[in-house]
Amino acid sequence: TTKGKHLTINDRRYIERWNKEGKSNREIARLLGRAPQTINNEIKRGQVLQQVRKGLFKYVYSADVAQANYEKNRKRSVKKLILTKKMKDKILHYHHENYSPEMMVKAKNIE
């Protein structure tokens, strides 16, 4: 099994297809070379409520919904940049001196 590697959109599309075909989560895990719990978690996170017919709904796995959730959560997990007053003042100074962003980065005194 692959440790620490994120599922790709292609992995998710395989999961969706094989899940619709009725393959077990363990079989899908084996086919993708992943841990069974990874597949269990993925299917749980990517479920959407779909109407089968009037008054009847069921949960199905959607690769696109799962990918959108993954990307949203990934954005949220990135450490935020803390801009100190000193850094802000230096950036504004360089901006007023008509430095390009590339020149500001090369100035290195911003940190």
N, C-alpha and C. Protein backbone atom coordinates (compact mmCIF):
# COMPACT_ATOMS: atom_id res chain seq x y z
N THR A 1 0.84 -1.20 0.00
CA THR A 1 0.00 0.00 0.00
C THR A 1 0.87 1.25 0.00
N THR A 2 0.32 2.32 -0.52
CA THR A 2 1.04 3.59 -0.60
C THR A 2 0.74 4.41 0.63
N LYS A 3 1.79 4.84 1.33
CA LYS A 3 1.58 5.62 2.55
C LYS A 3 1.86 7.09 2.28
N GLY A 4 0.93 7.94 2.72
CA GLY A 4 1.15 9.37 2.63
C GLY A 4 0.90 9.98 1.27
N LYS A 5 0.45 9.19 0.30
CA LYS A 5 0.20 9.72 -1.04
C LYS A 5 -1.29 9.99 -1.18
N HIS A 6 -1.63 11.19 -1.62
CA HIS A 6 -3.03 11.58 -1.74
C HIS A 6 -3.67 10.91 -2.95
N LEU A 7 -4.97 10.67 -2.85
CA LEU A 7 -5.71 10.12 -3.97
C LEU A 7 -5.83 11.19 -5.06
N THR A 8 -5.72 10.76 -6.30
CA THR A 8 -5.88 11.69 -7.43
C THR A 8 -7.32 11.64 -7.93
N ILE A 9 -7.66 12.54 -8.82
CA ILE A 9 -9.00 12.52 -9.41
C ILE A 9 -9.21 11.22 -10.18
N ASN A 10 -8.15 10.70 -10.81
CA ASN A 10 -8.27 9.42 -11.53
C ASN A 10 -8.55 8.28 -10.56
N ASP A 11 -7.86 8.27 -9.41
CA ASP A 11 -8.14 7.26 -8.38
C ASP A 11 -9.61 7.34 -7.98
N ARG A 12 -10.08 8.54 -7.77
CA ARG A 12 -11.48 8.74 -7.34
C ARG A 12 -12.46 8.27 -8.42
N ARG A 13 -12.12 8.47 -9.67
CA ARG A 13 -13.01 8.00 -10.76
C ARG A 13 -13.04 6.47 -10.80
N TYR A 14 -11.88 5.84 -10.57
CA TYR A 14 -11.87 4.37 -10.49
C TYR A 14 -12.73 3.90 -9.32
N ILE A 15 -12.58 4.56 -8.18
CA ILE A 15 -13.38 4.19 -7.00
C ILE A 15 -14.86 4.31 -7.32
N GLU A 16 -15.25 5.41 -7.97
CA GLU A 16 -16.67 5.61 -8.32
C GLU A 16 -17.16 4.49 -9.24
N ARG A 17 -16.39 4.20 -10.28
CA ARG A 17 -16.81 3.17 -11.25
C ARG A 17 -16.91 1.80 -10.59
N TRP A 18 -15.86 1.42 -9.85
CA TRP A 18 -15.85 0.09 -9.24
C TRP A 18 -16.91 -0.02 -8.14
N ASN A 19 -17.17 1.07 -7.44
CA ASN A 19 -18.21 1.07 -6.42
C ASN A 19 -19.57 0.84 -7.06
N LYS A 20 -19.82 1.49 -8.20
CA LYS A 20 -21.08 1.29 -8.94
C LYS A 20 -21.20 -0.14 -9.45
N GLU A 21 -20.05 -0.74 -9.81
CA GLU A 21 -20.06 -2.12 -10.30
C GLU A 21 -20.27 -3.12 -9.17
N GLY A 22 -20.24 -2.64 -7.93
CA GLY A 22 -20.50 -3.51 -6.79
C GLY A 22 -19.26 -4.16 -6.18
N LYS A 23 -18.08 -3.70 -6.59
CA LYS A 23 -16.86 -4.24 -5.99
C LYS A 23 -16.79 -3.81 -4.52
N SER A 24 -16.22 -4.68 -3.69
CA SER A 24 -16.09 -4.36 -2.26
C SER A 24 -15.00 -3.31 -2.07
N ASN A 25 -15.06 -2.62 -0.94
CA ASN A 25 -14.03 -1.62 -0.63
C ASN A 25 -12.65 -2.26 -0.56
N ARG A 26 -12.59 -3.48 -0.03
CA ARG A 26 -11.31 -4.18 0.05
C ARG A 26 -10.75 -4.50 -1.33
N GLU A 27 -11.63 -4.89 -2.24
CA GLU A 27 -11.19 -5.20 -3.60
C GLU A 27 -10.71 -3.93 -4.30
N ILE A 28 -11.43 -2.83 -4.12
CA ILE A 28 -11.01 -1.55 -4.70
C ILE A 28 -9.65 -1.15 -4.13
N ALA A 29 -9.47 -1.33 -2.83
CA ALA A 29 -8.19 -1.00 -2.18
C ALA A 29 -7.06 -1.82 -2.79
N ARG A 30 -7.31 -3.10 -2.99
CA ARG A 30 -6.28 -3.98 -3.57
C ARG A 30 -5.94 -3.53 -4.99
N LEU A 31 -6.96 -3.20 -5.79
CA LEU A 31 -6.74 -2.78 -7.18
C LEU A 31 -5.95 -1.47 -7.27
N LEU A 32 -6.17 -0.57 -6.31
CA LEU A 32 -5.47 0.72 -6.31
C LEU A 32 -4.16 0.69 -5.52
N GLY A 33 -3.91 -0.41 -4.80
CA GLY A 33 -2.71 -0.49 -3.97
C GLY A 33 -2.79 0.43 -2.77
N ARG A 34 -3.97 0.55 -2.19
CA ARG A 34 -4.21 1.41 -1.03
C ARG A 34 -4.73 0.58 0.13
N ALA A 35 -4.71 1.19 1.31
CA ALA A 35 -5.25 0.53 2.49
C ALA A 35 -6.78 0.53 2.40
N PRO A 36 -7.42 -0.56 2.83
CA PRO A 36 -8.89 -0.61 2.80
C PRO A 36 -9.54 0.56 3.54
N GLN A 37 -8.94 0.99 4.64
CA GLN A 37 -9.53 2.10 5.40
C GLN A 37 -9.50 3.40 4.60
N THR A 38 -8.49 3.56 3.74
CA THR A 38 -8.43 4.75 2.87
C THR A 38 -9.66 4.79 1.98
N ILE A 39 -10.01 3.64 1.41
CA ILE A 39 -11.17 3.56 0.52
C ILE A 39 -12.46 3.79 1.31
N ASN A 40 -12.55 3.17 2.50
CA ASN A 40 -13.74 3.39 3.36
C ASN A 40 -13.93 4.87 3.65
N ASN A 41 -12.84 5.54 4.07
CA ASN A 41 -12.91 6.97 4.39
C ASN A 41 -13.30 7.79 3.16
N GLU A 42 -12.69 7.46 2.03
CA GLU A 42 -12.94 8.20 0.80
C GLU A 42 -14.40 8.09 0.37
N ILE A 43 -14.95 6.89 0.43
CA ILE A 43 -16.34 6.69 0.02
C ILE A 43 -17.28 7.42 0.98
N LYS A 44 -16.95 7.40 2.25
CA LYS A 44 -17.78 8.09 3.24
C LYS A 44 -17.76 9.60 2.98
N ARG A 45 -16.58 10.15 2.68
CA ARG A 45 -16.44 11.60 2.47
C ARG A 45 -17.06 12.08 1.16
N GLY A 46 -17.10 11.19 0.16
CA GLY A 46 -17.56 11.60 -1.17
C GLY A 46 -18.99 11.23 -1.47
N GLN A 47 -19.76 10.90 -0.44
CA GLN A 47 -21.15 10.50 -0.68
C GLN A 47 -22.06 11.69 -0.90
N VAL A 48 -23.01 11.51 -1.82
CA VAL A 48 -24.06 12.50 -2.06
C VAL A 48 -25.39 11.77 -2.10
N LEU A 49 -26.43 12.48 -1.74
CA LEU A 49 -27.78 11.91 -1.75
C LEU A 49 -28.34 12.07 -3.15
N GLN A 50 -28.74 10.95 -3.76
CA GLN A 50 -29.24 10.97 -5.13
C GLN A 50 -30.66 10.42 -5.15
N GLN A 51 -31.52 11.07 -5.92
CA GLN A 51 -32.89 10.59 -6.03
C GLN A 51 -32.94 9.47 -7.06
N VAL A 52 -33.42 8.30 -6.63
CA VAL A 52 -33.53 7.15 -7.52
C VAL A 52 -34.85 7.24 -8.28
N ARG A 53 -35.92 7.51 -7.56
CA ARG A 53 -37.23 7.79 -8.16
C ARG A 53 -38.00 8.63 -7.16
N LYS A 54 -39.17 9.05 -7.53
CA LYS A 54 -39.95 9.94 -6.67
C LYS A 54 -40.11 9.35 -5.27
N GLY A 55 -39.60 10.10 -4.28
CA GLY A 55 -39.72 9.66 -2.89
C GLY A 55 -38.66 8.68 -2.44
N LEU A 56 -37.76 8.25 -3.33
CA LEU A 56 -36.71 7.29 -2.94
C LEU A 56 -35.34 7.88 -3.24
N PHE A 57 -34.55 7.97 -2.19
CA PHE A 57 -33.20 8.52 -2.30
C PHE A 57 -32.20 7.49 -1.80
N LYS A 58 -30.97 7.56 -2.32
CA LYS A 58 -29.89 6.71 -1.78
C LYS A 58 -28.58 7.48 -1.86
N TYR A 59 -27.64 7.07 -1.02
CA TYR A 59 -26.32 7.69 -1.03
C TYR A 59 -25.46 6.99 -2.07
N VAL A 60 -24.79 7.77 -2.91
CA VAL A 60 -23.85 7.24 -3.89
C VAL A 60 -22.55 8.02 -3.78
N TYR A 61 -21.45 7.38 -4.17
CA TYR A 61 -20.14 8.03 -4.17
C TYR A 61 -19.97 8.81 -5.46
N SER A 62 -19.52 10.05 -5.35
CA SER A 62 -19.25 10.89 -6.52
C SER A 62 -17.79 11.34 -6.50
N ALA A 63 -17.04 10.96 -7.53
CA ALA A 63 -15.62 11.33 -7.61
C ALA A 63 -15.47 12.85 -7.67
N ASP A 64 -16.36 13.52 -8.39
CA ASP A 64 -16.25 14.98 -8.53
C ASP A 64 -16.53 15.69 -7.21
N VAL A 65 -17.53 15.22 -6.47
CA VAL A 65 -17.83 15.80 -5.16
C VAL A 65 -16.66 15.55 -4.21
N ALA A 66 -16.13 14.32 -4.23
CA ALA A 66 -15.00 13.98 -3.37
C ALA A 66 -13.78 14.85 -3.68
N GLN A 67 -13.51 15.07 -4.97
CA GLN A 67 -12.37 15.90 -5.37
C GLN A 67 -12.57 17.34 -4.93
N ALA A 68 -13.78 17.86 -5.08
CA ALA A 68 -14.08 19.23 -4.65
C ALA A 68 -13.89 19.37 -3.14
N ASN A 69 -14.36 18.38 -2.37
CA ASN A 69 -14.17 18.40 -0.92
C ASN A 69 -12.69 18.35 -0.56
N TYR A 70 -11.93 17.50 -1.26
CA TYR A 70 -10.49 17.37 -1.03
C TYR A 70 -9.80 18.72 -1.26
N GLU A 71 -10.11 19.36 -2.40
CA GLU A 71 -9.47 20.64 -2.73
C GLU A 71 -9.83 21.72 -1.72
N LYS A 72 -11.08 21.76 -1.29
CA LYS A 72 -11.51 22.75 -0.29
C LYS A 72 -10.77 22.52 1.03
N ASN A 73 -10.68 21.27 1.46
CA ASN A 73 -9.99 20.95 2.71
C ASN A 73 -8.50 21.21 2.60
N ARG A 74 -7.93 20.96 1.44
CA ARG A 74 -6.50 21.18 1.20
C ARG A 74 -6.15 22.66 1.32
N LYS A 75 -7.00 23.50 0.73
CA LYS A 75 -6.78 24.95 0.82
C LYS A 75 -6.81 25.41 2.27
N ARG A 76 -7.72 24.85 3.03
CA ARG A 76 -7.88 25.25 4.42
C ARG A 76 -6.70 24.78 5.28
N SER A 77 -6.01 23.72 4.85
CA SER A 77 -4.94 23.15 5.67
C SER A 77 -3.60 23.87 5.51
N VAL A 78 -3.49 24.75 4.54
CA VAL A 78 -2.24 25.46 4.28
C VAL A 78 -2.01 26.50 5.38
N LYS A 79 -0.78 26.55 5.87
CA LYS A 79 -0.44 27.51 6.91
C LYS A 79 -0.54 28.93 6.36
N LYS A 80 -1.19 29.77 7.10
CA LYS A 80 -1.37 31.16 6.70
C LYS A 80 -0.07 31.95 6.90
N LEU A 81 0.19 32.87 5.99
CA LEU A 81 1.36 33.73 6.09
C LEU A 81 1.06 34.84 7.09
N ILE A 82 1.96 35.03 8.02
CA ILE A 82 1.79 36.10 9.00
C ILE A 82 2.62 37.29 8.54
N LEU A 83 1.93 38.38 8.24
CA LEU A 83 2.58 39.58 7.75
C LEU A 83 2.75 40.54 8.93
N THR A 84 3.99 40.72 9.33
CA THR A 84 4.26 41.64 10.45
C THR A 84 4.19 43.08 9.96
N LYS A 85 4.08 44.00 10.89
CA LYS A 85 4.04 45.43 10.55
C LYS A 85 5.33 45.84 9.83
N LYS A 86 6.46 45.31 10.32
CA LYS A 86 7.75 45.63 9.72
C LYS A 86 7.80 45.16 8.26
N MET A 87 7.31 43.94 8.01
CA MET A 87 7.30 43.41 6.64
C MET A 87 6.40 44.26 5.75
N LYS A 88 5.21 44.59 6.26
CA LYS A 88 4.25 45.39 5.50
C LYS A 88 4.86 46.75 5.14
N ASP A 89 5.52 47.39 6.10
CA ASP A 89 6.14 48.70 5.85
C ASP A 89 7.21 48.61 4.76
N LYS A 90 8.03 47.54 4.81
CA LYS A 90 9.09 47.38 3.79
C LYS A 90 8.49 47.14 2.41
N ILE A 91 7.44 46.32 2.36
CA ILE A 91 6.79 46.05 1.08
C ILE A 91 6.21 47.34 0.50
N LEU A 92 5.53 48.11 1.35
CA LEU A 92 4.96 49.38 0.89
C LEU A 92 6.05 50.35 0.42
N HIS A 93 7.17 50.37 1.14
CA HIS A 93 8.30 51.22 0.75
C HIS A 93 8.78 50.83 -0.65
N TYR A 94 9.02 49.53 -0.86
CA TYR A 94 9.49 49.06 -2.18
C TYR A 94 8.45 49.35 -3.26
N HIS A 95 7.18 49.22 -2.89
CA HIS A 95 6.10 49.49 -3.86
C HIS A 95 6.13 50.97 -4.28
N HIS A 96 6.29 51.85 -3.31
CA HIS A 96 6.34 53.29 -3.61
C HIS A 96 7.59 53.65 -4.41
N GLU A 97 8.63 52.84 -4.28
CA GLU A 97 9.86 53.05 -5.06
C GLU A 97 9.77 52.38 -6.43
N ASN A 98 8.57 51.87 -6.76
CA ASN A 98 8.30 51.21 -8.06
C ASN A 98 9.09 49.92 -8.29
N TYR A 99 9.37 49.21 -7.21
CA TYR A 99 9.99 47.89 -7.35
C TYR A 99 8.95 46.93 -7.89
N SER A 100 9.38 46.01 -8.74
CA SER A 100 8.47 44.94 -9.18
C SER A 100 8.40 43.90 -8.05
N PRO A 101 7.39 43.04 -8.04
CA PRO A 101 7.33 42.00 -7.01
C PRO A 101 8.60 41.13 -7.00
N GLU A 102 9.14 40.86 -8.20
CA GLU A 102 10.36 40.06 -8.28
C GLU A 102 11.54 40.77 -7.62
N MET A 103 11.62 42.09 -7.83
CA MET A 103 12.70 42.86 -7.21
C MET A 103 12.54 42.90 -5.70
N MET A 104 11.29 42.97 -5.23
CA MET A 104 11.04 42.96 -3.79
C MET A 104 11.53 41.67 -3.16
N VAL A 105 11.25 40.56 -3.84
CA VAL A 105 11.69 39.25 -3.32
C VAL A 105 13.20 39.19 -3.28
N LYS A 106 13.85 39.72 -4.32
CA LYS A 106 15.32 39.69 -4.36
C LYS A 106 15.94 40.62 -3.32
N ALA A 107 15.19 41.63 -2.89
CA ALA A 107 15.71 42.56 -1.88
C ALA A 107 16.01 41.84 -0.57
N LYS A 108 15.30 40.76 -0.28
CA LYS A 108 15.51 39.86 0.86
C LYS A 108 15.39 40.51 2.23
N ASN A 109 15.25 41.80 2.30
CA ASN A 109 15.14 42.47 3.60
C ASN A 109 13.71 42.45 4.12
N ILE A 110 12.81 41.83 3.39
CA ILE A 110 11.40 41.88 3.74
C ILE A 110 11.10 41.05 4.99
N GLU A 111 11.80 39.95 5.17
CA GLU A 111 11.48 39.04 6.28
C GLU A 111 11.62 39.67 7.62
